[in-house]
Amino acid sequence: MTKDETKILFSTPISSLRGNIIVPGDKSLSHRALMIGSISTGTTRIKGMLESDDTLRTMEAMKTLGVSISHHKTSDEDFWIIHGRGVGGLLEPSEVIDVGNSGTGCRLLLGLISGYNFKAIITGDQSLKKRPMSRVMDPLYGMGCRFESRPGGLLPLLVKGTSNLTPITYTLPVASAQVKSAILLAGLHSRGNTRVIEPVETRDHTENLLSYFGAEIVCEPYEKVTGSSIISIKGLQELKGRNINVPGDPSSAVFLIVAALITEGSEIILENVGLNPKRANVFKTLKKMGADLTVEESEKSHPEPVGTITARYSKLSAIEISEEDASSMIDEYPILSIAAASANGKTVMKGLSELRYKESNRLQAIFEGLNLCGVKSEIEGDNLIIFGSSGKVKGGGVIETHFDHRIAMAFLILGFNSISPIGVDNVDSIKTSYPDFFKDSRNLGAYFVDKELSEVDSFISKKY
């Protein structure tokens, strides 16, 4: 046990949050820009990349595969340069690739290297080793790639790629942008057209970036199934390096947005937020709850739309969130649950089965954490029901995060609107997605304090 693991970090009730923040780069786009830039010809320049543990692991993976990536910082600019090797140009790794806690990095990487006639071993941290990779391995196996893994498709994985991948048409059994992206990246290395059928739309960052790099990729309605779409990519085409400005991550922005919405007297402005339409549902959902949000789109200078969001304290009301909404904001449910905890009435969130397979069993972690902090909640099948406090929550709990960054951030923010402080363990996990979370939160007016385990009981009994 390290020294940090013997401490609990508490957030305490605060009077208000105020100020301006530039949101850190989008994690999903950062992963994809690194990978697609690495298999493009020429030079790719990335500005605004999220430099978190997750994305830096992806960068190291690409370096291990023979890609030259360098950091450049001047008084005016901070950017990364990738000297791409082109489609088919990656080299066999001489060492194990460790993706840390990054499920996105791992799953996309499986697709990316499946079209190479070499072997690679991929592993991750203890949390990622518990997350099955079979839903990605299955379609890639159908294309000709082979794997050896622990039972259930668990890491470490031995990937046995092939230079003769077979293009497939694959219908996603569950909505997953990661599975779709892995298949499309593999399809780049196959002879012919690879197609993915989506019964439910998922995030389209991979399609957007592939198109931006010059790929021939087509997205259209799938006539055979109402409401479905089909994405087709042509194999063995060259991509050309591009300059990319990575917009801010809406999944990070929404934590501070909810913090302002539930903390009386707050008004914050978040700049450089990515406004991809397939990521904006969380903002629409908060507005349905009564959130005072102003969204202003900037002049387009990115592969995806970007803008500024102003969030003000609001008296939120409970709503019902349908199963159809789940895929578009699956990463936002931990913080949406915090909004629901402070709202007036019973919020019902349906179709959350996918939450069980994230960095932790998030459905169970949210349920246990809310009840520990005095917010009644229930799980019925795949649905989460939260009985809001219509104001401040009781607090006073210490949350077991299971090394999950979104659970940690969510409950620290609930502490801003509690009667007694709320503590979380293993806050280092937050570095995987939002390295400046504490700095940005403090700049807005938040207050955090470390306590030794022996001091916890006396501290959580405090009321503010």
Foldseek 3Di string as FASTA:
>chain_A
DDPQQLWWKWWAAFQAFEEEAAFQFAQLLLLLLLLQQQAFAAKAKEFRRHPFLQSVLSNVVSVQQPKDKDWDDDPVGTIMMTHHLHQQRTHAGPDARENALHPLSVLQVLLQCQQYQYKHWYFYDPLQQVFANVLQVVVSVVQPKDWDDDPRRGDRIITRHHLAGHAEEEERPDDDPSSVNSNQSNQQSYAFKHKYKYLADADDSSVLVCVVQPWDKDKDADVVHPSMIMIMGHYPDHGHHYYAYGFHHVLVVVLVLLLQQQNPPYKYKYFRYFCAVLQCVVVVVQVVQVWDKDWDWDDDDHSGITTMIMTHHGAGAADEADLSNCRSHVSNVLQVLLSQQQHAAKHKYPNNPCCCNHSHVNLVQSQVQCVQQAWHWDDDPNMIMTHHPSFATAALEEGECSLALSNQSNQSSSNNGYFFMYIYGDNVSVSNGGVCVVVVRVVRPIDMDMDRPVCSNVRRVHTD
